[in-house]
């Protein structure tokens, strides 16, 4: 390439570079605008935190209530089994004694 062609390429590149800078625009934010964006971001994070905390507490209460319900039903079932054993046990024992007595008489 000749010197003239090199200068044309450099001028074209500079022009393109300036066009890119113009498209991007100058984004100088003021201190106040930055503070507003930070506050907005903090508010969003705080809101998201409380939302997640609420979901966590709701799920924890749900799991705890299921656990307590299961335990209480388990205690009721154990109570019914003991009650049934207390009623049926002596009846079965009575029939077994009777059967043994019949075998002894034969």
C-alpha atoms as a PDB file:
ATOM      1  CA  UNK A   1       0.000   0.000   0.000  1.00  0.00           C
ATOM      2  CA  UNK A   2       1.078   3.479  -0.668  1.00  0.00           C
ATOM      3  CA  UNK A   3       1.276   6.242   1.835  1.00  0.00           C
ATOM      4  CA  UNK A   4      -1.838   7.888   0.379  1.00  0.00           C
ATOM      5  CA  UNK A   5      -3.874   4.677   0.718  1.00  0.00           C
ATOM      6  CA  UNK A   6      -2.685   4.249   4.306  1.00  0.00           C
ATOM      7  CA  UNK A   7      -3.852   7.755   5.148  1.00  0.00           C
ATOM      8  CA  UNK A   8      -7.254   7.047   3.552  1.00  0.00           C
ATOM      9  CA  UNK A   9      -7.619   3.872   5.622  1.00  0.00           C
ATOM     10  CA  UNK A  10      -6.623   5.731   8.787  1.00  0.00           C
ATOM     11  CA  UNK A  11      -9.147   8.517   8.056  1.00  0.00           C
ATOM     12  CA  UNK A  12     -11.892   5.935   7.406  1.00  0.00           C
ATOM     13  CA  UNK A  13     -11.064   4.168  10.670  1.00  0.00           C
ATOM     14  CA  UNK A  14     -11.118   7.468  12.577  1.00  0.00           C
ATOM     15  CA  UNK A  15     -14.466   8.343  11.028  1.00  0.00           C
ATOM     16  CA  UNK A  16     -15.885   4.932  11.958  1.00  0.00           C
ATOM     17  CA  UNK A  17     -14.503   5.280  15.479  1.00  0.00           C
ATOM     18  CA  UNK A  18     -16.149   8.696  15.861  1.00  0.00           C
ATOM     19  CA  UNK A  19     -19.449   7.255  14.581  1.00  0.00           C
ATOM     20  CA  UNK A  20     -19.253   4.489  17.188  1.00  0.00           C
ATOM     21  CA  UNK A  21     -18.591   7.065  19.917  1.00  0.00           C
ATOM     22  CA  UNK A  22     -21.591   9.110  18.767  1.00  0.00           C
ATOM     23  CA  UNK A  23     -23.834   6.050  18.782  1.00  0.00           C
ATOM     24  CA  UNK A  24     -22.775   5.155  22.295  1.00  0.00           C
ATOM     25  CA  UNK A  25     -23.393   8.691  23.423  1.00  0.00           C
ATOM     26  CA  UNK A  26     -21.947  10.290  26.460  1.00  0.00           C
ATOM     27  CA  UNK A  27     -23.283   8.677  29.570  1.00  0.00           C
ATOM     28  CA  UNK A  28     -22.019  10.820  32.361  1.00  0.00           C
ATOM     29  CA  UNK A  29     -24.299  10.156  35.287  1.00  0.00           C
ATOM     30  CA  UNK A  30     -24.551  12.628  38.067  1.00  0.00           C
ATOM     31  CA  UNK A  31     -23.865  11.656  41.648  1.00  0.00           C
ATOM     32  CA  UNK A  32     -27.569  12.036  42.410  1.00  0.00           C
ATOM     33  CA  UNK A  33     -28.570   9.674  39.571  1.00  0.00           C
ATOM     34  CA  UNK A  34     -26.080   7.072  40.771  1.00  0.00           C
ATOM     35  CA  UNK A  35     -27.457   7.320  44.319  1.00  0.00           C
ATOM     36  CA  UNK A  36     -30.996   6.882  42.999  1.00  0.00           C
ATOM     37  CA  UNK A  37     -29.989   3.779  41.067  1.00  0.00           C
ATOM     38  CA  UNK A  38     -28.226   2.341  44.121  1.00  0.00           C
ATOM     39  CA  UNK A  39     -31.281   3.028  46.293  1.00  0.00           C
ATOM     40  CA  UNK A  40     -33.569   1.446  43.698  1.00  0.00           C
ATOM     41  CA  UNK A  41     -31.317  -1.609  43.543  1.00  0.00           C
ATOM     42  CA  UNK A  42     -31.265  -1.862  47.351  1.00  0.00           C
ATOM     43  CA  UNK A  43     -35.058  -1.580  47.494  1.00  0.00           C
ATOM     44  CA  UNK A  44     -35.415  -4.355  44.928  1.00  0.00           C
ATOM     45  CA  UNK A  45     -32.990  -6.564  46.860  1.00  0.00           C
ATOM     46  CA  UNK A  46     -34.818  -5.838  50.116  1.00  0.00           C
ATOM     47  CA  UNK A  47     -38.168  -6.664  48.534  1.00  0.00           C
ATOM     48  CA  UNK A  48     -36.755  -9.888  47.060  1.00  0.00           C
ATOM     49  CA  UNK A  49     -35.248 -10.796  50.441  1.00  0.00           C
ATOM     50  CA  UNK A  50     -38.555 -10.321  52.250  1.00  0.00           C
ATOM     51  CA  UNK A  51     -40.348 -12.297  49.550  1.00  0.00           C
ATOM     52  CA  UNK A  52     -37.896 -15.196  49.882  1.00  0.00           C
ATOM     53  CA  UNK A  53     -38.057 -14.973  53.683  1.00  0.00           C
ATOM     54  CA  UNK A  54     -41.860 -15.114  53.559  1.00  0.00           C
ATOM     55  CA  UNK A  55     -41.767 -18.180  51.286  1.00  0.00           C
ATOM     56  CA  UNK A  56     -39.209 -19.836  53.574  1.00  0.00           C
ATOM     57  CA  UNK A  57     -41.306 -19.216  56.690  1.00  0.00           C
ATOM     58  CA  UNK A  58     -44.482 -20.438  54.955  1.00  0.00           C
ATOM     59  CA  UNK A  59     -42.767 -23.635  53.804  1.00  0.00           C
ATOM     60  CA  UNK A  60     -41.235 -24.157  57.261  1.00  0.00           C
ATOM     61  CA  UNK A  61     -44.637 -23.761  58.931  1.00  0.00           C
ATOM     62  CA  UNK A  62     -46.202 -26.147  56.411  1.00  0.00           C
ATOM     63  CA  UNK A  63     -43.533 -28.800  56.987  1.00  0.00           C
ATOM     64  CA  UNK A  64     -43.741 -28.337  60.762  1.00  0.00           C
ATOM     65  CA  UNK A  65     -47.532 -28.678  60.705  1.00  0.00           C
ATOM     66  CA  UNK A  66     -47.244 -31.862  58.622  1.00  0.00           C
ATOM     67  CA  UNK A  67     -44.678 -33.207  61.070  1.00  0.00           C
ATOM     68  CA  UNK A  68     -46.835 -32.386  64.101  1.00  0.00           C
ATOM     69  CA  UNK A  69     -49.936 -33.826  62.444  1.00  0.00           C
ATOM     70  CA  UNK A  70     -48.057 -37.016  61.663  1.00  0.00           C
ATOM     71  CA  UNK A  71     -46.789 -37.279  65.222  1.00  0.00           C
ATOM     72  CA  UNK A  72     -50.208 -36.602  66.730  1.00  0.00           C
ATOM     73  CA  UNK A  73     -51.850 -39.112  64.400  1.00  0.00           C
ATOM     74  CA  UNK A  74     -49.074 -41.543  65.250  1.00  0.00           C
ATOM     75  CA  UNK A  75     -49.788 -41.044  68.945  1.00  0.00           C
ATOM     76  CA  UNK A  76     -53.489 -41.588  68.333  1.00  0.00           C
ATOM     77  CA  UNK A  77     -52.753 -44.750  66.387  1.00  0.00           C
ATOM     78  CA  UNK A  78     -50.463 -45.977  69.178  1.00  0.00           C
ATOM     79  CA  UNK A  79     -53.193 -45.186  71.717  1.00  0.00           C
ATOM     80  CA  UNK A  80     -55.791 -47.092  69.675  1.00  0.00           C
ATOM     81  CA  UNK A  81     -53.447 -50.055  69.316  1.00  0.00           C
ATOM     82  CA  UNK A  82     -52.864 -50.132  73.081  1.00  0.00           C
ATOM     83  CA  UNK A  83     -56.596 -49.818  73.740  1.00  0.00           C
ATOM     84  CA  UNK A  84     -57.338 -52.597  71.273  1.00  0.00           C
ATOM     85  CA  UNK A  85     -54.628 -54.769  72.835  1.00  0.00           C
ATOM     86  CA  UNK A  86     -56.033 -54.088  76.313  1.00  0.00           C
ATOM     87  CA  UNK A  87     -59.492 -55.202  75.168  1.00  0.00           C
ATOM     88  CA  UNK A  88     -58.578 -58.085  72.861  1.00  0.00           C
ATOM     89  CA  UNK A  89     -55.627 -59.382  74.934  1.00  0.00           C
ATOM     90  CA  UNK A  90     -57.689 -60.686  77.893  1.00  0.00           C
ATOM     91  CA  UNK A  91     -60.297 -62.147  75.510  1.00  0.00           C
ATOM     92  CA  UNK A  92     -57.618 -64.044  73.569  1.00  0.00           C
ATOM     93  CA  UNK A  93     -56.014 -65.144  76.838  1.00  0.00           C
ATOM     94  CA  UNK A  94     -59.397 -66.392  78.097  1.00  0.00           C
ATOM     95  CA  UNK A  95     -59.968 -68.449  74.917  1.00  0.00           C
ATOM     96  CA  UNK A  96     -56.431 -69.870  75.056  1.00  0.00           C
ATOM     97  CA  UNK A  97     -56.919 -70.931  78.690  1.00  0.00           C
ATOM     98  CA  UNK A  98     -60.223 -72.536  77.796  1.00  0.00           C
ATOM     99  CA  UNK A  99     -58.607 -74.424  74.917  1.00  0.00           C
ATOM    100  CA  UNK A 100     -55.825 -75.660  77.232  1.00  0.00           C
ATOM    101  CA  UNK A 101     -58.406 -76.795  79.789  1.00  0.00           C
ATOM    102  CA  UNK A 102     -60.319 -78.722  77.107  1.00  0.00           C
ATOM    103  CA  UNK A 103     -57.083 -80.403  76.004  1.00  0.00           C
ATOM    104  CA  UNK A 104     -56.336 -81.293  79.616  1.00  0.00           C
ATOM    105  CA  UNK A 105     -59.789 -82.898  80.114  1.00  0.00           C
ATOM    106  CA  UNK A 106     -59.389 -85.118  77.070  1.00  0.00           C
END
